[in-house]
């Protein structure tokens, strides 16, 4: 191989080996909101929302209703993002928790019930 081609070939080989291993940063609220508007992405979106909600459900700031929980969680986050475009630069976990906290705060008594259950 010609000397000037070797460095190029080495760089291409490194790119092919390393590129699939790169880690993508977490989406921000803008990207997440755009994803929420795609019906085919609903299952993917709900995995993120449920993971955040389940972490705090009933023992912290979030108490979503028992009935139609998936739709209630989705709509709470969607509505919050729609109403707070200036906060969409924040990480998706942050905007998810803020949307759920705004709509479904736990009552002071500690009972795990959302506003729809009261």
N, C-alpha and C. Protein backbone atom coordinates (compact mmCIF):
# COMPACT_ATOMS: atom_id res chain seq x y z
N UNK A 1 0.84 -1.18 0.00
CA UNK A 1 0.00 0.00 0.00
C UNK A 1 0.89 1.24 0.00
N UNK A 2 0.50 2.22 -0.68
CA UNK A 2 1.25 3.48 -0.75
C UNK A 2 1.21 4.16 0.61
N UNK A 3 2.28 4.84 1.00
CA UNK A 3 2.39 5.47 2.32
C UNK A 3 1.27 6.47 2.62
N UNK A 4 0.81 7.22 1.66
CA UNK A 4 -0.23 8.22 1.91
C UNK A 4 -1.60 7.58 2.07
N UNK A 5 -1.77 6.37 1.61
CA UNK A 5 -3.04 5.67 1.72
C UNK A 5 -3.19 4.99 3.08
N UNK A 6 -2.09 4.58 3.69
CA UNK A 6 -2.14 3.88 4.98
C UNK A 6 -2.85 4.68 6.07
N UNK A 7 -2.49 5.95 6.28
CA UNK A 7 -3.20 6.69 7.33
C UNK A 7 -4.70 6.80 7.06
N UNK A 8 -5.05 6.99 5.82
CA UNK A 8 -6.46 7.08 5.46
C UNK A 8 -7.16 5.75 5.71
N UNK A 9 -6.54 4.67 5.32
CA UNK A 9 -7.12 3.34 5.56
C UNK A 9 -7.26 3.08 7.05
N UNK A 10 -6.31 3.51 7.84
CA UNK A 10 -6.37 3.33 9.29
C UNK A 10 -7.54 4.12 9.88
N UNK A 11 -7.73 5.34 9.41
CA UNK A 11 -8.84 6.16 9.89
C UNK A 11 -10.19 5.55 9.53
N UNK A 12 -10.30 5.03 8.33
CA UNK A 12 -11.55 4.39 7.91
C UNK A 12 -11.82 3.17 8.77
N UNK A 13 -10.81 2.38 9.03
CA UNK A 13 -10.97 1.18 9.86
C UNK A 13 -11.41 1.56 11.26
N UNK A 14 -10.80 2.58 11.83
CA UNK A 14 -11.19 3.04 13.17
C UNK A 14 -12.63 3.53 13.17
N UNK A 15 -13.01 4.28 12.16
CA UNK A 15 -14.39 4.79 12.08
C UNK A 15 -15.39 3.65 11.99
N UNK A 16 -15.07 2.62 11.25
CA UNK A 16 -15.98 1.48 11.09
C UNK A 16 -16.11 0.70 12.39
N UNK A 17 -15.04 0.58 13.14
CA UNK A 17 -15.05 -0.18 14.39
C UNK A 17 -15.65 0.63 15.53
N UNK A 18 -15.34 1.91 15.62
CA UNK A 18 -15.76 2.73 16.75
C UNK A 18 -17.16 3.31 16.58
N UNK A 19 -17.57 3.68 15.39
CA UNK A 19 -18.85 4.35 15.17
C UNK A 19 -20.05 3.61 15.75
N UNK A 20 -20.16 2.29 15.58
CA UNK A 20 -21.32 1.62 16.15
C UNK A 20 -21.32 1.62 17.68
N UNK A 21 -20.21 1.90 18.30
CA UNK A 21 -20.09 1.86 19.75
C UNK A 21 -20.32 3.21 20.42
N UNK A 22 -20.53 4.23 19.65
CA UNK A 22 -20.71 5.55 20.24
C UNK A 22 -22.04 5.62 20.98
N UNK A 23 -22.06 6.38 22.04
CA UNK A 23 -23.25 6.53 22.86
C UNK A 23 -23.92 7.85 22.51
N UNK A 24 -25.20 7.81 22.32
CA UNK A 24 -25.96 9.00 21.98
C UNK A 24 -26.45 9.66 23.26
N UNK A 25 -26.34 10.94 23.34
CA UNK A 25 -26.81 11.67 24.51
C UNK A 25 -28.34 11.61 24.59
N UNK A 26 -28.84 11.81 25.78
CA UNK A 26 -30.28 11.80 25.99
C UNK A 26 -30.94 12.94 25.20
N UNK A 27 -32.11 12.65 24.64
CA UNK A 27 -32.86 13.67 23.90
C UNK A 27 -33.24 14.81 24.85
N UNK A 28 -33.41 15.98 24.28
CA UNK A 28 -33.93 17.08 25.08
C UNK A 28 -35.45 17.13 24.89
N UNK A 29 -36.09 18.07 25.57
CA UNK A 29 -37.54 18.17 25.50
C UNK A 29 -38.08 18.44 24.12
N UNK A 30 -37.36 19.23 23.31
CA UNK A 30 -37.80 19.49 21.94
C UNK A 30 -37.84 18.21 21.12
N UNK A 31 -36.79 17.44 21.20
CA UNK A 31 -36.73 16.18 20.44
C UNK A 31 -37.79 15.21 20.94
N UNK A 32 -37.98 15.17 22.26
CA UNK A 32 -38.97 14.27 22.83
C UNK A 32 -40.38 14.68 22.43
N UNK A 33 -40.66 15.98 22.45
CA UNK A 33 -41.97 16.49 22.05
C UNK A 33 -42.24 16.15 20.59
N UNK A 34 -41.24 16.29 19.74
CA UNK A 34 -41.40 15.93 18.32
C UNK A 34 -41.70 14.44 18.18
N UNK A 35 -41.04 13.63 18.97
CA UNK A 35 -41.28 12.18 18.94
C UNK A 35 -42.70 11.85 19.42
N UNK A 36 -43.17 12.58 20.41
CA UNK A 36 -44.51 12.34 20.95
C UNK A 36 -45.60 12.61 19.90
N UNK A 37 -45.30 13.43 18.92
CA UNK A 37 -46.28 13.78 17.89
C UNK A 37 -46.36 12.75 16.77
N UNK A 38 -45.55 11.71 16.85
CA UNK A 38 -45.56 10.65 15.84
C UNK A 38 -46.27 9.43 16.41
N UNK A 39 -47.45 9.12 15.90
CA UNK A 39 -48.22 7.98 16.43
C UNK A 39 -47.43 6.67 16.45
N UNK A 40 -46.59 6.45 15.47
CA UNK A 40 -45.82 5.20 15.43
C UNK A 40 -44.76 5.13 16.53
N UNK A 41 -44.44 6.26 17.14
CA UNK A 41 -43.42 6.29 18.20
C UNK A 41 -44.03 6.18 19.60
N UNK A 42 -45.33 6.01 19.68
CA UNK A 42 -46.03 6.01 20.98
C UNK A 42 -45.45 4.97 21.94
N UNK A 43 -45.19 3.77 21.46
CA UNK A 43 -44.65 2.71 22.33
C UNK A 43 -43.28 3.10 22.88
N UNK A 44 -42.44 3.67 22.03
CA UNK A 44 -41.11 4.10 22.44
C UNK A 44 -41.21 5.23 23.47
N UNK A 45 -42.07 6.19 23.21
CA UNK A 45 -42.27 7.32 24.12
C UNK A 45 -42.75 6.83 25.48
N UNK A 46 -43.68 5.89 25.47
CA UNK A 46 -44.23 5.39 26.73
C UNK A 46 -43.19 4.66 27.56
N UNK A 47 -42.23 4.03 26.94
CA UNK A 47 -41.16 3.38 27.72
C UNK A 47 -40.42 4.42 28.56
N UNK A 48 -40.14 5.57 27.98
CA UNK A 48 -39.45 6.64 28.71
C UNK A 48 -40.33 7.23 29.80
N UNK A 49 -41.57 7.50 29.45
CA UNK A 49 -42.50 8.09 30.42
C UNK A 49 -42.73 7.13 31.58
N UNK A 50 -43.01 5.87 31.28
CA UNK A 50 -43.26 4.89 32.33
C UNK A 50 -42.05 4.68 33.23
N UNK A 51 -40.86 4.66 32.65
CA UNK A 51 -39.65 4.47 33.45
C UNK A 51 -39.49 5.61 34.46
N UNK A 52 -39.71 6.84 34.01
CA UNK A 52 -39.60 7.99 34.92
C UNK A 52 -40.73 7.98 35.95
N UNK A 53 -41.94 7.72 35.51
CA UNK A 53 -43.09 7.74 36.41
C UNK A 53 -43.01 6.62 37.44
N UNK A 54 -42.64 5.44 37.01
CA UNK A 54 -42.57 4.30 37.93
C UNK A 54 -41.54 4.51 39.03
N UNK A 55 -40.49 5.25 38.72
CA UNK A 55 -39.46 5.53 39.72
C UNK A 55 -40.03 6.34 40.88
N UNK A 56 -40.96 7.25 40.60
CA UNK A 56 -41.47 8.17 41.62
C UNK A 56 -42.92 7.91 42.02
N UNK A 57 -43.59 7.04 41.32
CA UNK A 57 -45.03 6.80 41.54
C UNK A 57 -45.36 6.45 42.99
N UNK A 58 -46.22 7.26 43.60
CA UNK A 58 -46.77 6.96 44.91
C UNK A 58 -45.84 7.16 46.09
N UNK A 59 -44.59 7.45 45.86
CA UNK A 59 -43.67 7.65 46.99
C UNK A 59 -42.85 8.91 46.82
N UNK A 60 -43.40 9.82 46.14
CA UNK A 60 -42.69 11.06 45.90
C UNK A 60 -43.63 12.06 45.30
N UNK A 61 -43.18 12.71 44.26
CA UNK A 61 -43.99 13.80 43.71
C UNK A 61 -45.09 13.38 42.75
N UNK A 62 -45.18 12.10 42.37
CA UNK A 62 -46.10 11.69 41.31
C UNK A 62 -47.07 10.62 41.78
N UNK A 63 -48.36 10.86 41.55
CA UNK A 63 -49.41 9.89 41.85
C UNK A 63 -50.41 9.89 40.68
N UNK A 64 -50.13 9.12 39.65
CA UNK A 64 -51.02 9.08 38.49
C UNK A 64 -52.23 8.21 38.80
N UNK A 65 -53.34 8.45 38.11
CA UNK A 65 -54.56 7.68 38.38
C UNK A 65 -54.39 6.22 37.96
N UNK A 66 -55.13 5.37 38.63
CA UNK A 66 -55.09 3.94 38.33
C UNK A 66 -55.74 3.63 36.98
N UNK A 67 -56.81 4.34 36.66
CA UNK A 67 -57.54 4.07 35.42
C UNK A 67 -56.88 4.79 34.24
N UNK A 68 -56.72 4.08 33.16
CA UNK A 68 -56.14 4.62 31.93
C UNK A 68 -54.82 5.33 32.19
N UNK A 69 -53.97 4.69 32.99
CA UNK A 69 -52.71 5.28 33.43
C UNK A 69 -51.80 5.68 32.27
N UNK A 70 -51.67 4.82 31.28
CA UNK A 70 -50.77 5.12 30.16
C UNK A 70 -51.19 6.38 29.43
N UNK A 71 -52.47 6.50 29.11
CA UNK A 71 -52.96 7.69 28.41
C UNK A 71 -52.84 8.93 29.29
N UNK A 72 -53.14 8.78 30.58
CA UNK A 72 -53.05 9.92 31.50
C UNK A 72 -51.62 10.44 31.58
N UNK A 73 -50.66 9.53 31.69
CA UNK A 73 -49.26 9.92 31.76
C UNK A 73 -48.82 10.61 30.46
N UNK A 74 -49.15 10.01 29.34
CA UNK A 74 -48.78 10.58 28.05
C UNK A 74 -49.33 11.99 27.90
N UNK A 75 -50.61 12.14 28.18
CA UNK A 75 -51.27 13.44 27.98
C UNK A 75 -50.71 14.49 28.93
N UNK A 76 -50.37 14.10 30.15
CA UNK A 76 -49.81 15.06 31.11
C UNK A 76 -48.47 15.61 30.60
N UNK A 77 -47.62 14.73 30.10
CA UNK A 77 -46.32 15.17 29.60
C UNK A 77 -46.49 16.00 28.33
N UNK A 78 -47.34 15.53 27.44
CA UNK A 78 -47.58 16.25 26.18
C UNK A 78 -48.10 17.66 26.45
N UNK A 79 -49.10 17.76 27.32
CA UNK A 79 -49.69 19.07 27.62
C UNK A 79 -48.67 20.01 28.27
N UNK A 80 -47.83 19.46 29.17
CA UNK A 80 -46.83 20.30 29.83
C UNK A 80 -45.82 20.82 28.80
N UNK A 81 -45.36 19.94 27.93
CA UNK A 81 -44.40 20.37 26.90
C UNK A 81 -45.01 21.41 25.96
N UNK A 82 -46.26 21.21 25.62
CA UNK A 82 -46.95 22.17 24.75
C UNK A 82 -47.09 23.53 25.42
N UNK A 83 -47.34 23.53 26.73
CA UNK A 83 -47.54 24.77 27.47
C UNK A 83 -46.23 25.45 27.89
N UNK A 84 -45.13 24.72 27.83
CA UNK A 84 -43.84 25.26 28.30
C UNK A 84 -42.75 25.12 27.24
N UNK A 85 -42.91 25.76 26.09
CA UNK A 85 -41.90 25.62 25.05
C UNK A 85 -40.53 26.14 25.47
N UNK A 86 -40.50 27.08 26.41
CA UNK A 86 -39.23 27.63 26.88
C UNK A 86 -38.45 26.66 27.76
N UNK A 87 -39.07 25.56 28.17
CA UNK A 87 -38.41 24.54 29.00
C UNK A 87 -37.97 23.32 28.20
N UNK A 88 -38.23 23.33 26.91
CA UNK A 88 -37.95 22.14 26.09
C UNK A 88 -36.46 21.88 25.86
N UNK A 89 -35.61 22.79 26.23
CA UNK A 89 -34.17 22.58 26.07
C UNK A 89 -33.65 21.61 27.14
N UNK A 90 -34.44 21.38 28.17
CA UNK A 90 -34.01 20.52 29.28
C UNK A 90 -34.05 19.04 28.87
N UNK A 91 -33.35 18.18 29.62
CA UNK A 91 -33.34 16.74 29.29
C UNK A 91 -34.73 16.13 29.37
N UNK A 92 -34.94 15.09 28.58
CA UNK A 92 -36.28 14.48 28.52
C UNK A 92 -36.75 13.97 29.88
N UNK A 93 -35.87 13.41 30.70
CA UNK A 93 -36.31 12.93 32.02
C UNK A 93 -36.87 14.08 32.85
N UNK A 94 -36.23 15.23 32.76
CA UNK A 94 -36.69 16.39 33.51
C UNK A 94 -38.10 16.80 33.06
N UNK A 95 -38.30 16.93 31.75
CA UNK A 95 -39.60 17.39 31.26
C UNK A 95 -40.70 16.36 31.53
N UNK A 96 -40.35 15.09 31.51
CA UNK A 96 -41.33 14.05 31.83
C UNK A 96 -41.79 14.20 33.28
N UNK A 97 -40.84 14.29 34.19
CA UNK A 97 -41.19 14.41 35.61
C UNK A 97 -41.96 15.70 35.87
N UNK A 98 -41.57 16.80 35.23
CA UNK A 98 -42.29 18.06 35.44
C UNK A 98 -43.73 17.96 34.96
N UNK A 99 -43.93 17.33 33.81
CA UNK A 99 -45.29 17.17 33.29
C UNK A 99 -46.16 16.32 34.20
N UNK A 100 -45.59 15.25 34.72
CA UNK A 100 -46.34 14.37 35.62
C UNK A 100 -46.59 15.04 36.97
N UNK A 101 -45.61 15.73 37.49
CA UNK A 101 -45.78 16.43 38.78
C UNK A 101 -46.83 17.51 38.69
N UNK A 102 -46.85 18.22 37.57
CA UNK A 102 -47.82 19.31 37.41
C UNK A 102 -49.25 18.79 37.39
N UNK A 103 -49.46 17.67 36.71
CA UNK A 103 -50.82 17.13 36.56
C UNK A 103 -51.21 16.21 37.71
N UNK A 104 -50.26 15.44 38.22
CA UNK A 104 -50.58 14.40 39.20
C UNK A 104 -49.70 14.45 40.43
N UNK A 105 -49.75 15.55 41.18
CA UNK A 105 -48.97 15.58 42.42
C UNK A 105 -49.59 14.66 43.46
N UNK A 106 -48.76 14.08 44.29
CA UNK A 106 -49.30 13.26 45.38
C UNK A 106 -49.92 14.18 46.43
N UNK A 107 -51.04 13.75 46.99
CA UNK A 107 -51.65 14.56 48.05
C UNK A 107 -50.76 14.56 49.30
N UNK A 108 -50.90 15.57 50.12
CA UNK A 108 -50.07 15.71 51.33
C UNK A 108 -50.23 14.54 52.29
N UNK A 109 -51.37 13.89 52.25
CA UNK A 109 -51.63 12.77 53.17
C UNK A 109 -50.80 11.54 52.81
N UNK A 110 -50.22 11.52 51.60
CA UNK A 110 -49.41 10.37 51.19
C UNK A 110 -50.19 9.31 50.45
N UNK A 111 -51.51 9.48 50.32
CA UNK A 111 -52.29 8.49 49.57
C UNK A 111 -51.91 8.55 48.11
N UNK A 112 -51.80 7.42 47.49
CA UNK A 112 -51.39 7.37 46.08
C UNK A 112 -52.60 7.46 45.16
N UNK A 113 -53.05 8.68 44.93
CA UNK A 113 -54.18 8.88 44.02
C UNK A 113 -53.99 10.18 43.27
N UNK A 114 -54.28 10.14 42.00
CA UNK A 114 -54.18 11.35 41.18
C UNK A 114 -55.46 12.13 41.27
N UNK A 115 -55.49 13.33 40.68
CA UNK A 115 -56.70 14.18 40.73
C UNK A 115 -57.93 13.49 40.19
N UNK A 116 -57.78 12.61 39.21
CA UNK A 116 -58.94 11.93 38.64
C UNK A 116 -59.54 10.92 39.62
N UNK A 117 -58.77 10.51 40.62
CA UNK A 117 -59.25 9.51 41.56
C UNK A 117 -59.82 10.14 42.84
N UNK A 118 -59.70 11.45 42.95
CA UNK A 118 -60.18 12.11 44.19
C UNK A 118 -61.63 12.44 44.12
